[in-house]
Amino acid sequence: MPCGIKTTTTLAKYILDVTLLSFHINQKYLPSELAAMAVFLSRKCMKLGCIEKPWPGPIWSETLWYHTEYSQRKLEQIAVDFIEEKKAIPHSLKALKRKYDVASFDKLLRRA
């Protein structure tokens, strides 16, 4: 899978689109928490999934913490909840498949 800012941003958008399908996740967390988790998880996936050019620098930097006020530990817990909820979502969602390269993104999310 190609790596870089564009792919990372697209993966974060995909994660946010998937969160819209979970009533539980949307009731439990604030939209800003879900947005921060999407950025965190996409950066983590890119760090783990890009063999030819790994993500440079830390997954969650002090700058990101400063602007969001969310710690990496908090985002890791939200990501765990998201991944558990994602398992219950049907894989035959045609709109997501048309909009994103779902197979590649799902493979990356399984590594996280």
C-alpha atoms as a PDB file:
ATOM      1  CA  MET A   1       0.000   0.000   0.000  1.00  0.00           C
ATOM      2  CA  PRO A   2       1.366   3.462  -0.812  1.00  0.00           C
ATOM      3  CA  CYS A   3       2.265   5.460   2.260  1.00  0.00           C
ATOM      4  CA  GLY A   4       2.177   9.133   3.011  1.00  0.00           C
ATOM      5  CA  ILE A   5       0.054  11.991   4.249  1.00  0.00           C
ATOM      6  CA  LYS A   6      -2.689  11.466   1.650  1.00  0.00           C
ATOM      7  CA  THR A   7      -3.081   7.781   2.506  1.00  0.00           C
ATOM      8  CA  THR A   8      -3.006   8.531   6.228  1.00  0.00           C
ATOM      9  CA  THR A   9      -5.686  11.201   5.819  1.00  0.00           C
ATOM     10  CA  THR A  10      -7.857   8.894   3.708  1.00  0.00           C
ATOM     11  CA  LEU A  11      -7.516   6.120   6.292  1.00  0.00           C
ATOM     12  CA  ALA A  12      -8.556   8.555   9.059  1.00  0.00           C
ATOM     13  CA  LYS A  13     -11.628   9.533   7.003  1.00  0.00           C
ATOM     14  CA  TYR A  14     -12.468   5.851   6.503  1.00  0.00           C
ATOM     15  CA  ILE A  15     -12.197   5.228  10.258  1.00  0.00           C
ATOM     16  CA  LEU A  16     -14.519   8.163  10.948  1.00  0.00           C
ATOM     17  CA  ASP A  17     -17.024   6.913   8.368  1.00  0.00           C
ATOM     18  CA  VAL A  18     -17.035   3.511  10.041  1.00  0.00           C
ATOM     19  CA  THR A  19     -17.629   5.097  13.468  1.00  0.00           C
ATOM     20  CA  LEU A  20     -20.841   6.589  12.075  1.00  0.00           C
ATOM     21  CA  LEU A  21     -22.190   3.049  11.770  1.00  0.00           C
ATOM     22  CA  SER A  22     -21.839   2.353  15.500  1.00  0.00           C
ATOM     23  CA  PHE A  23     -24.448   3.801  17.825  1.00  0.00           C
ATOM     24  CA  HIS A  24     -22.468   2.646  20.878  1.00  0.00           C
ATOM     25  CA  ILE A  25     -19.237   4.403  19.873  1.00  0.00           C
ATOM     26  CA  ASN A  26     -21.078   7.634  19.057  1.00  0.00           C
ATOM     27  CA  GLN A  27     -22.868   7.607  22.409  1.00  0.00           C
ATOM     28  CA  LYS A  28     -19.751   6.789  24.431  1.00  0.00           C
ATOM     29  CA  TYR A  29     -17.278   9.298  22.930  1.00  0.00           C
ATOM     30  CA  LEU A  30     -17.253  12.931  21.886  1.00  0.00           C
ATOM     31  CA  PRO A  31     -16.847  13.746  18.186  1.00  0.00           C
ATOM     32  CA  SER A  32     -13.479  15.350  18.951  1.00  0.00           C
ATOM     33  CA  GLU A  33     -12.340  12.141  20.676  1.00  0.00           C
ATOM     34  CA  LEU A  34     -13.354  10.080  17.644  1.00  0.00           C
ATOM     35  CA  ALA A  35     -11.583  12.481  15.289  1.00  0.00           C
ATOM     36  CA  ALA A  36      -8.391  12.340  17.380  1.00  0.00           C
ATOM     37  CA  MET A  37      -8.641   8.530  17.575  1.00  0.00           C
ATOM     38  CA  ALA A  38      -8.984   8.348  13.779  1.00  0.00           C
ATOM     39  CA  VAL A  39      -5.808  10.395  13.319  1.00  0.00           C
ATOM     40  CA  PHE A  40      -3.983   8.367  15.985  1.00  0.00           C
ATOM     41  CA  LEU A  41      -5.067   5.002  14.564  1.00  0.00           C
ATOM     42  CA  SER A  42      -4.293   5.962  10.960  1.00  0.00           C
ATOM     43  CA  ARG A  43      -0.807   7.150  11.985  1.00  0.00           C
ATOM     44  CA  LYS A  44      -0.281   3.916  13.939  1.00  0.00           C
ATOM     45  CA  CYS A  45      -1.390   1.809  10.971  1.00  0.00           C
ATOM     46  CA  MET A  46       0.946   3.697   8.648  1.00  0.00           C
ATOM     47  CA  LYS A  47       3.850   3.194  11.080  1.00  0.00           C
ATOM     48  CA  LEU A  48       3.180  -0.563  11.202  1.00  0.00           C
ATOM     49  CA  GLY A  49       2.048  -1.109   7.620  1.00  0.00           C
ATOM     50  CA  CYS A  50       4.480   0.844   5.466  1.00  0.00           C
ATOM     51  CA  ILE A  51       7.520  -1.324   5.011  1.00  0.00           C
ATOM     52  CA  GLU A  52       9.181   0.709   2.276  1.00  0.00           C
ATOM     53  CA  LYS A  53       8.787   4.051   4.050  1.00  0.00           C
ATOM     54  CA  PRO A  54       7.660   3.853   7.706  1.00  0.00           C
ATOM     55  CA  TRP A  55       5.880   6.799   9.308  1.00  0.00           C
ATOM     56  CA  PRO A  56       8.537   9.275  10.445  1.00  0.00           C
ATOM     57  CA  GLY A  57       8.526  10.288  14.084  1.00  0.00           C
ATOM     58  CA  PRO A  58       6.220   9.388  16.947  1.00  0.00           C
ATOM     59  CA  ILE A  59       2.663   8.155  16.436  1.00  0.00           C
ATOM     60  CA  TRP A  60       1.249  10.755  18.842  1.00  0.00           C
ATOM     61  CA  SER A  61       3.446  13.811  19.314  1.00  0.00           C
ATOM     62  CA  GLU A  62       3.426  16.509  21.955  1.00  0.00           C
ATOM     63  CA  THR A  63       2.053  18.899  19.334  1.00  0.00           C
ATOM     64  CA  LEU A  64      -0.931  16.635  18.688  1.00  0.00           C
ATOM     65  CA  TRP A  65      -1.483  16.237  22.419  1.00  0.00           C
ATOM     66  CA  TYR A  66      -1.288  20.025  22.877  1.00  0.00           C
ATOM     67  CA  HIS A  67      -3.870  20.743  20.170  1.00  0.00           C
ATOM     68  CA  THR A  68      -6.289  17.949  21.107  1.00  0.00           C
ATOM     69  CA  GLU A  69      -5.617  17.604  24.851  1.00  0.00           C
ATOM     70  CA  TYR A  70      -5.993  13.828  24.434  1.00  0.00           C
ATOM     71  CA  SER A  71      -3.236  11.508  25.607  1.00  0.00           C
ATOM     72  CA  GLN A  72      -2.010   8.534  23.628  1.00  0.00           C
ATOM     73  CA  ARG A  73      -3.282   6.222  26.398  1.00  0.00           C
ATOM     74  CA  LYS A  74      -6.830   7.612  26.094  1.00  0.00           C
ATOM     75  CA  LEU A  75      -6.772   7.300  22.308  1.00  0.00           C
ATOM     76  CA  GLU A  76      -5.497   3.730  22.537  1.00  0.00           C
ATOM     77  CA  GLN A  77      -8.540   2.812  24.660  1.00  0.00           C
ATOM     78  CA  ILE A  78     -10.919   4.479  22.205  1.00  0.00           C
ATOM     79  CA  ALA A  79      -9.167   2.645  19.343  1.00  0.00           C
ATOM     80  CA  VAL A  80      -9.605  -0.700  21.126  1.00  0.00           C
ATOM     81  CA  ASP A  81     -13.324   0.021  21.561  1.00  0.00           C
ATOM     82  CA  PHE A  82     -13.579   1.059  17.911  1.00  0.00           C
ATOM     83  CA  ILE A  83     -11.896  -2.117  16.655  1.00  0.00           C
ATOM     84  CA  GLU A  84     -14.190  -4.268  18.819  1.00  0.00           C
ATOM     85  CA  GLU A  85     -17.261  -2.448  17.497  1.00  0.00           C
ATOM     86  CA  LYS A  86     -15.982  -2.667  13.911  1.00  0.00           C
ATOM     87  CA  LYS A  87     -16.045  -6.463  14.120  1.00  0.00           C
ATOM     88  CA  ALA A  88     -19.845  -6.316  14.457  1.00  0.00           C
ATOM     89  CA  ILE A  89     -20.334  -4.156  11.348  1.00  0.00           C
ATOM     90  CA  PRO A  90     -21.267  -6.082   8.173  1.00  0.00           C
ATOM     91  CA  HIS A  91     -18.505  -6.327   5.559  1.00  0.00           C
ATOM     92  CA  SER A  92     -20.902  -5.921   2.636  1.00  0.00           C
ATOM     93  CA  LEU A  93     -21.255  -2.148   2.838  1.00  0.00           C
ATOM     94  CA  LYS A  94     -21.203  -1.143  -0.823  1.00  0.00           C
ATOM     95  CA  ALA A  95     -20.941   2.612  -0.246  1.00  0.00           C
ATOM     96  CA  LEU A  96     -17.754   2.234   1.821  1.00  0.00           C
ATOM     97  CA  LYS A  97     -16.293  -0.169  -0.735  1.00  0.00           C
ATOM     98  CA  ARG A  98     -16.930   2.314  -3.538  1.00  0.00           C
ATOM     99  CA  LYS A  99     -15.540   5.256  -1.578  1.00  0.00           C
ATOM    100  CA  TYR A 100     -12.422   3.587  -0.143  1.00  0.00           C
ATOM    101  CA  ASP A 101     -10.018   0.729  -0.789  1.00  0.00           C
ATOM    102  CA  VAL A 102     -11.666  -1.179   2.074  1.00  0.00           C
ATOM    103  CA  ALA A 103      -9.624  -4.377   1.753  1.00  0.00           C
ATOM    104  CA  SER A 104      -6.313  -2.546   2.179  1.00  0.00           C
ATOM    105  CA  PHE A 105      -7.569  -0.424   5.061  1.00  0.00           C
ATOM    106  CA  ASP A 106      -9.106  -3.394   6.866  1.00  0.00           C
ATOM    107  CA  LYS A 107      -5.802  -5.251   6.560  1.00  0.00           C
ATOM    108  CA  LEU A 108      -3.982  -2.292   8.129  1.00  0.00           C
ATOM    109  CA  LEU A 109      -6.546  -2.000  10.931  1.00  0.00           C
ATOM    110  CA  ARG A 110      -6.105  -5.675  11.827  1.00  0.00           C
ATOM    111  CA  ARG A 111      -2.390  -4.993  12.417  1.00  0.00           C
ATOM    112  CA  ALA A 112      -3.046  -2.083  14.800  1.00  0.00           C
END
